[in-house]
Amino acid sequence: MKRLPERLESLLATLEPLERGERIQLLVDMAKRFRRVAPEIATRPYPADHRVPGCESEAYVWAEPNQDGTLAYSFAVENPQGISAMSLATILRESLSGAPLEEVAEIPGEIIYRIYGRELSMGKSLGLMGMVNMVRIMARKTINASAGHAAS
């Protein structure tokens, strides 16, 4: 398996050995730390091209460049009951912002099963995988754009 960003791997090492109830509580606590996208990045109504396809919680994703060429990720989750989407947004923001783009671009969508377990509904799985996919696509676009600049 490809190398995962260090902070994400560390979080997985914390989550995976937990009993289901402990894991759920930790994920709920992470959802409570959710921070909506800053108004200087985006305001409502959010643009459709940032909306996560298939996400029941109406999640949106943005990636802003950091000085070092990495990205800082921001999220909006419009459904106030979207606890899973909020916890994943917190996880992705905290563990992938500033991570090497090559590692972010290779994160498998199935990582959500390592985070949430296999008990997820099909709809929830697709939405959460969609969030991971959008982050991955944004990292790949940035890699490709900088490769294009390097070639010119």
C-alpha atoms as a PDB file:
ATOM      1  CA  MET A   1       0.000   0.000   0.000  1.00  0.00           C
ATOM      2  CA  LYS A   2       1.154   3.542  -0.730  1.00  0.00           C
ATOM      3  CA  ARG A   3       2.465   5.633   2.118  1.00  0.00           C
ATOM      4  CA  LEU A   4      -0.222   7.700   3.821  1.00  0.00           C
ATOM      5  CA  PRO A   5       0.477  11.198   5.144  1.00  0.00           C
ATOM      6  CA  GLU A   6       2.076  10.914   8.584  1.00  0.00           C
ATOM      7  CA  ARG A   7      -0.689  12.648  10.585  1.00  0.00           C
ATOM      8  CA  LEU A   8      -3.359  10.478   8.927  1.00  0.00           C
ATOM      9  CA  GLU A   9      -1.399   7.293   9.658  1.00  0.00           C
ATOM     10  CA  SER A  10      -1.010   8.407  13.275  1.00  0.00           C
ATOM     11  CA  LEU A  11      -4.757   9.021  13.603  1.00  0.00           C
ATOM     12  CA  LEU A  12      -5.525   5.592  12.137  1.00  0.00           C
ATOM     13  CA  ALA A  13      -3.140   4.008  14.640  1.00  0.00           C
ATOM     14  CA  THR A  14      -5.178   5.675  17.399  1.00  0.00           C
ATOM     15  CA  LEU A  15      -8.618   4.771  15.967  1.00  0.00           C
ATOM     16  CA  GLU A  16      -8.194   1.213  14.716  1.00  0.00           C
ATOM     17  CA  PRO A  17      -7.591  -0.582  18.043  1.00  0.00           C
ATOM     18  CA  LEU A  18     -10.573   1.113  19.730  1.00  0.00           C
ATOM     19  CA  GLU A  19     -13.788  -0.717  20.526  1.00  0.00           C
ATOM     20  CA  ARG A  20     -16.735   0.421  18.386  1.00  0.00           C
ATOM     21  CA  GLY A  21     -18.264   2.608  21.128  1.00  0.00           C
ATOM     22  CA  GLU A  22     -14.945   4.305  21.907  1.00  0.00           C
ATOM     23  CA  ARG A  23     -14.324   4.915  18.213  1.00  0.00           C
ATOM     24  CA  ILE A  24     -17.787   6.444  17.753  1.00  0.00           C
ATOM     25  CA  GLN A  25     -17.232   8.748  20.737  1.00  0.00           C
ATOM     26  CA  LEU A  26     -13.863   9.899  19.392  1.00  0.00           C
ATOM     27  CA  LEU A  27     -15.419  10.585  15.961  1.00  0.00           C
ATOM     28  CA  VAL A  28     -18.292  12.537  17.576  1.00  0.00           C
ATOM     29  CA  ASP A  29     -15.695  14.580  19.481  1.00  0.00           C
ATOM     30  CA  MET A  30     -13.913  15.282  16.189  1.00  0.00           C
ATOM     31  CA  ALA A  31     -17.199  16.416  14.631  1.00  0.00           C
ATOM     32  CA  LYS A  32     -17.542  18.918  17.496  1.00  0.00           C
ATOM     33  CA  ARG A  33     -14.174  20.406  16.402  1.00  0.00           C
ATOM     34  CA  PHE A  34     -15.484  20.946  12.857  1.00  0.00           C
ATOM     35  CA  ARG A  35     -14.718  24.418  11.511  1.00  0.00           C
ATOM     36  CA  ARG A  36     -16.717  25.693   8.558  1.00  0.00           C
ATOM     37  CA  VAL A  37     -14.831  27.178   5.607  1.00  0.00           C
ATOM     38  CA  ALA A  38     -13.633  30.704   6.374  1.00  0.00           C
ATOM     39  CA  PRO A  39     -15.682  33.482   4.731  1.00  0.00           C
ATOM     40  CA  GLU A  40     -12.586  34.793   2.937  1.00  0.00           C
ATOM     41  CA  ILE A  41     -12.419  31.453   1.066  1.00  0.00           C
ATOM     42  CA  ALA A  42     -16.135  30.922   0.352  1.00  0.00           C
ATOM     43  CA  THR A  43     -19.592  32.123   1.379  1.00  0.00           C
ATOM     44  CA  ARG A  44     -23.091  30.752   0.832  1.00  0.00           C
ATOM     45  CA  PRO A  45     -24.434  29.822  -1.583  1.00  0.00           C
ATOM     46  CA  TYR A  46     -21.374  27.659  -2.172  1.00  0.00           C
ATOM     47  CA  PRO A  47     -20.371  26.989  -5.786  1.00  0.00           C
ATOM     48  CA  ALA A  48     -21.565  23.663  -7.192  1.00  0.00           C
ATOM     49  CA  ASP A  49     -18.081  22.717  -8.419  1.00  0.00           C
ATOM     50  CA  HIS A  50     -16.960  22.430  -4.771  1.00  0.00           C
ATOM     51  CA  ARG A  51     -19.871  20.200  -3.729  1.00  0.00           C
ATOM     52  CA  VAL A  52     -19.061  16.564  -3.001  1.00  0.00           C
ATOM     53  CA  PRO A  53     -21.045  14.397  -5.446  1.00  0.00           C
ATOM     54  CA  GLY A  54     -23.373  11.931  -3.727  1.00  0.00           C
ATOM     55  CA  CYS A  55     -22.860  13.320  -0.221  1.00  0.00           C
ATOM     56  CA  GLU A  56     -26.141  13.288   1.711  1.00  0.00           C
ATOM     57  CA  SER A  57     -24.794  15.936   4.107  1.00  0.00           C
ATOM     58  CA  GLU A  58     -24.133  18.463   1.329  1.00  0.00           C
ATOM     59  CA  ALA A  59     -20.401  18.689   1.926  1.00  0.00           C
ATOM     60  CA  TYR A  60     -18.149  21.104   0.046  1.00  0.00           C
ATOM     61  CA  VAL A  61     -14.346  21.114  -0.259  1.00  0.00           C
ATOM     62  CA  TRP A  62     -11.753  23.825  -0.992  1.00  0.00           C
ATOM     63  CA  ALA A  63      -7.971  23.693  -1.266  1.00  0.00           C
ATOM     64  CA  GLU A  64      -5.860  26.814  -0.813  1.00  0.00           C
ATOM     65  CA  PRO A  65      -2.126  26.858  -1.597  1.00  0.00           C
ATOM     66  CA  ASN A  66       0.373  27.104   1.250  1.00  0.00           C
ATOM     67  CA  GLN A  67       3.728  28.883   0.860  1.00  0.00           C
ATOM     68  CA  ASP A  68       5.551  25.536   0.618  1.00  0.00           C
ATOM     69  CA  GLY A  69       3.443  24.289  -2.316  1.00  0.00           C
ATOM     70  CA  THR A  70       1.213  22.047  -0.199  1.00  0.00           C
ATOM     71  CA  LEU A  71      -2.507  22.691   0.242  1.00  0.00           C
ATOM     72  CA  ALA A  72      -4.708  23.740   3.153  1.00  0.00           C
ATOM     73  CA  TYR A  73      -8.135  22.101   2.964  1.00  0.00           C
ATOM     74  CA  SER A  74     -11.407  23.662   4.068  1.00  0.00           C
ATOM     75  CA  PHE A  75     -14.893  22.211   4.253  1.00  0.00           C
ATOM     76  CA  ALA A  76     -18.537  23.116   4.634  1.00  0.00           C
ATOM     77  CA  VAL A  77     -21.153  20.595   5.752  1.00  0.00           C
ATOM     78  CA  GLU A  78     -24.646  21.979   5.291  1.00  0.00           C
ATOM     79  CA  ASN A  79     -26.563  19.219   7.106  1.00  0.00           C
ATOM     80  CA  PRO A  80     -26.382  19.953  10.864  1.00  0.00           C
ATOM     81  CA  GLN A  81     -26.886  16.211  11.505  1.00  0.00           C
ATOM     82  CA  GLY A  82     -23.944  15.327   9.222  1.00  0.00           C
ATOM     83  CA  ILE A  83     -21.786  14.098  12.109  1.00  0.00           C
ATOM     84  CA  SER A  84     -19.805  11.644   9.954  1.00  0.00           C
ATOM     85  CA  ALA A  85     -19.156  14.285   7.284  1.00  0.00           C
ATOM     86  CA  MET A  86     -18.114  16.809   9.951  1.00  0.00           C
ATOM     87  CA  SER A  87     -15.772  14.352  11.644  1.00  0.00           C
ATOM     88  CA  LEU A  88     -14.216  13.371   8.296  1.00  0.00           C
ATOM     89  CA  ALA A  89     -13.843  17.042   7.343  1.00  0.00           C
ATOM     90  CA  THR A  90     -11.993  17.616  10.638  1.00  0.00           C
ATOM     91  CA  ILE A  91      -9.796  14.550  10.041  1.00  0.00           C
ATOM     92  CA  LEU A  92      -8.959  15.554   6.471  1.00  0.00           C
ATOM     93  CA  ARG A  93      -8.311  19.199   7.364  1.00  0.00           C
ATOM     94  CA  GLU A  94      -6.100  18.366  10.337  1.00  0.00           C
ATOM     95  CA  SER A  95      -4.211  15.428   8.841  1.00  0.00           C
ATOM     96  CA  LEU A  96      -3.834  16.455   5.184  1.00  0.00           C
ATOM     97  CA  SER A  97      -3.378  20.235   5.236  1.00  0.00           C
ATOM     98  CA  GLY A  98       0.331  20.770   4.660  1.00  0.00           C
ATOM     99  CA  ALA A  99       0.954  17.101   3.787  1.00  0.00           C
ATOM    100  CA  PRO A 100       2.998  16.151   0.699  1.00  0.00           C
ATOM    101  CA  LEU A 101       0.708  16.394  -2.337  1.00  0.00           C
ATOM    102  CA  GLU A 102       1.979  13.102  -3.773  1.00  0.00           C
ATOM    103  CA  GLU A 103       0.806  11.289  -0.626  1.00  0.00           C
ATOM    104  CA  VAL A 104      -2.567  13.077  -0.529  1.00  0.00           C
ATOM    105  CA  ALA A 105      -3.118  12.278  -4.222  1.00  0.00           C
ATOM    106  CA  GLU A 106      -2.760   8.544  -3.520  1.00  0.00           C
ATOM    107  CA  ILE A 107      -5.073   8.164  -0.515  1.00  0.00           C
ATOM    108  CA  PRO A 108      -7.583   5.412  -1.306  1.00  0.00           C
ATOM    109  CA  GLY A 109     -11.281   6.218  -0.854  1.00  0.00           C
ATOM    110  CA  GLU A 110     -11.565   3.010   1.188  1.00  0.00           C
ATOM    111  CA  ILE A 111      -9.637   4.769   3.964  1.00  0.00           C
ATOM    112  CA  ILE A 112     -13.064   5.631   5.349  1.00  0.00           C
ATOM    113  CA  TYR A 113     -13.519   1.994   6.402  1.00  0.00           C
ATOM    114  CA  ARG A 114     -10.331   2.229   8.461  1.00  0.00           C
ATOM    115  CA  ILE A 115     -11.773   5.333  10.103  1.00  0.00           C
ATOM    116  CA  TYR A 116     -15.458   4.390  10.527  1.00  0.00           C
ATOM    117  CA  GLY A 117     -15.456   0.601  10.301  1.00  0.00           C
ATOM    118  CA  ARG A 118     -17.453  -1.520   7.870  1.00  0.00           C
ATOM    119  CA  GLU A 119     -20.878  -0.781   9.368  1.00  0.00           C
ATOM    120  CA  LEU A 120     -21.474   2.314   7.185  1.00  0.00           C
ATOM    121  CA  SER A 121     -24.563   2.475   4.984  1.00  0.00           C
ATOM    122  CA  MET A 122     -23.992   2.526   1.222  1.00  0.00           C
ATOM    123  CA  GLY A 123     -25.123   6.168   0.969  1.00  0.00           C
ATOM    124  CA  LYS A 124     -22.887   7.336   3.801  1.00  0.00           C
ATOM    125  CA  SER A 125     -19.922   5.371   2.404  1.00  0.00           C
ATOM    126  CA  LEU A 126     -20.306   6.971  -1.024  1.00  0.00           C
ATOM    127  CA  GLY A 127     -20.543  10.484   0.415  1.00  0.00           C
ATOM    128  CA  LEU A 128     -17.510  10.059   2.664  1.00  0.00           C
ATOM    129  CA  MET A 129     -15.501   8.459  -0.155  1.00  0.00           C
ATOM    130  CA  GLY A 130     -16.548  11.422  -2.294  1.00  0.00           C
ATOM    131  CA  MET A 131     -14.986  13.797   0.239  1.00  0.00           C
ATOM    132  CA  VAL A 132     -11.704  11.852   0.126  1.00  0.00           C
ATOM    133  CA  ASN A 133     -11.862  11.776  -3.682  1.00  0.00           C
ATOM    134  CA  MET A 134     -12.314  15.556  -3.918  1.00  0.00           C
ATOM    135  CA  VAL A 135      -9.281  16.155  -1.708  1.00  0.00           C
ATOM    136  CA  ARG A 136      -7.281  13.676  -3.782  1.00  0.00           C
ATOM    137  CA  ILE A 137      -8.366  15.340  -7.067  1.00  0.00           C
ATOM    138  CA  MET A 138      -7.394  18.788  -5.752  1.00  0.00           C
ATOM    139  CA  ALA A 139      -3.938  17.481  -4.829  1.00  0.00           C
ATOM    140  CA  ARG A 140      -3.515  15.902  -8.288  1.00  0.00           C
ATOM    141  CA  LYS A 141      -4.594  19.118 -10.057  1.00  0.00           C
ATOM    142  CA  THR A 142      -2.011  21.063  -8.065  1.00  0.00           C
ATOM    143  CA  ILE A 143       0.704  18.520  -8.892  1.00  0.00           C
ATOM    144  CA  ASN A 144      -0.210  18.644 -12.586  1.00  0.00           C
ATOM    145  CA  ALA A 145      -0.351  22.457 -12.620  1.00  0.00           C
ATOM    146  CA  SER A 146       3.108  22.757 -11.060  1.00  0.00           C
ATOM    147  CA  ALA A 147       4.470  20.114 -13.462  1.00  0.00           C
ATOM    148  CA  GLY A 148       3.060  22.231 -16.318  1.00  0.00           C
ATOM    149  CA  HIS A 149       4.770  25.350 -14.955  1.00  0.00           C
ATOM    150  CA  ALA A 150       8.049  23.462 -14.522  1.00  0.00           C
ATOM    151  CA  ALA A 151       7.899  22.263 -18.140  1.00  0.00           C
ATOM    152  CA  SER A 152       7.369  25.780 -19.544  1.00  0.00           C
END
